[in-house]
Amino acid sequence: MLRHLLRATGNGDDWAVEVNNLLEPLAVERKWRSAMGLPENWREHPLWK
């Protein structure tokens, strides 16, 4: 949601890259993806592209 809102102001792309960099190491493990509510293919969702 934050990425969507920030993109509307022109600031979401840098923020999104940093969030992705933080999430990727955690999202490798199923238990952490599940805890964060991320599906296995979370990177393919339009919100994360």
C-alpha atoms as a PDB file:
ATOM      1  CA  MET A   1       0.000   0.000   0.000  1.00  0.00           C
ATOM      2  CA  LEU A   2       2.810   2.403   0.868  1.00  0.00           C
ATOM      3  CA  ARG A   3       4.505   1.765  -2.444  1.00  0.00           C
ATOM      4  CA  HIS A   4       1.313   2.553  -4.316  1.00  0.00           C
ATOM      5  CA  LEU A   5       0.841   5.791  -2.401  1.00  0.00           C
ATOM      6  CA  LEU A   6       4.478   6.823  -2.778  1.00  0.00           C
ATOM      7  CA  ARG A   7       4.448   6.110  -6.508  1.00  0.00           C
ATOM      8  CA  ALA A   8       1.600   8.580  -6.879  1.00  0.00           C
ATOM      9  CA  THR A   9       3.936  11.273  -5.521  1.00  0.00           C
ATOM     10  CA  GLY A  10       6.910  10.133  -7.584  1.00  0.00           C
ATOM     11  CA  ASN A  11       8.861   8.680  -4.653  1.00  0.00           C
ATOM     12  CA  GLY A  12       7.857   5.004  -4.610  1.00  0.00           C
ATOM     13  CA  ASP A  13      10.485   3.438  -6.852  1.00  0.00           C
ATOM     14  CA  ASP A  14      13.530   3.973  -4.634  1.00  0.00           C
ATOM     15  CA  TRP A  15      11.575   3.011  -1.560  1.00  0.00           C
ATOM     16  CA  ALA A  16      10.283  -0.134  -3.277  1.00  0.00           C
ATOM     17  CA  VAL A  17      13.798  -1.236  -4.235  1.00  0.00           C
ATOM     18  CA  GLU A  18      14.969  -0.852  -0.639  1.00  0.00           C
ATOM     19  CA  VAL A  19      11.973  -2.767   0.730  1.00  0.00           C
ATOM     20  CA  ASN A  20      12.550  -5.556  -1.789  1.00  0.00           C
ATOM     21  CA  ASN A  21      16.207  -5.728  -0.725  1.00  0.00           C
ATOM     22  CA  LEU A  22      15.127  -6.105   2.897  1.00  0.00           C
ATOM     23  CA  LEU A  23      12.430  -8.696   2.204  1.00  0.00           C
ATOM     24  CA  GLU A  24      14.277 -10.974  -0.211  1.00  0.00           C
ATOM     25  CA  PRO A  25      16.593 -12.662   2.322  1.00  0.00           C
ATOM     26  CA  LEU A  26      13.675 -13.272   4.694  1.00  0.00           C
ATOM     27  CA  ALA A  27      11.236 -14.403   2.027  1.00  0.00           C
ATOM     28  CA  VAL A  28      13.456 -17.331   1.077  1.00  0.00           C
ATOM     29  CA  GLU A  29      12.107 -19.288   4.035  1.00  0.00           C
ATOM     30  CA  ARG A  30       8.454 -20.340   3.988  1.00  0.00           C
ATOM     31  CA  LYS A  31       7.912 -19.629   7.689  1.00  0.00           C
ATOM     32  CA  TRP A  32       8.917 -15.976   7.275  1.00  0.00           C
ATOM     33  CA  ARG A  33       6.896 -15.528   4.077  1.00  0.00           C
ATOM     34  CA  SER A  34       3.903 -16.960   5.891  1.00  0.00           C
ATOM     35  CA  ALA A  35       4.453 -14.703   8.906  1.00  0.00           C
ATOM     36  CA  MET A  36       4.566 -11.658   6.612  1.00  0.00           C
ATOM     37  CA  GLY A  37       1.588 -12.824   4.543  1.00  0.00           C
ATOM     38  CA  LEU A  38       3.633 -13.155   1.355  1.00  0.00           C
ATOM     39  CA  PRO A  39       2.795 -15.868  -1.171  1.00  0.00           C
ATOM     40  CA  GLU A  40       5.649 -17.941  -2.595  1.00  0.00           C
ATOM     41  CA  ASN A  41       5.602 -15.949  -5.832  1.00  0.00           C
ATOM     42  CA  TRP A  42       5.327 -12.547  -4.143  1.00  0.00           C
ATOM     43  CA  ARG A  43       7.871 -10.945  -6.507  1.00  0.00           C
ATOM     44  CA  GLU A  44       5.578 -11.653  -9.485  1.00  0.00           C
ATOM     45  CA  HIS A  45       2.648  -9.665  -8.048  1.00  0.00           C
ATOM     46  CA  PRO A  46       2.133  -6.319  -9.858  1.00  0.00           C
ATOM     47  CA  LEU A  47       2.513  -4.371  -6.614  1.00  0.00           C
ATOM     48  CA  TRP A  48       6.109  -5.563  -6.261  1.00  0.00           C
ATOM     49  CA  LYS A  49       7.168  -4.881  -9.841  1.00  0.00           C
END
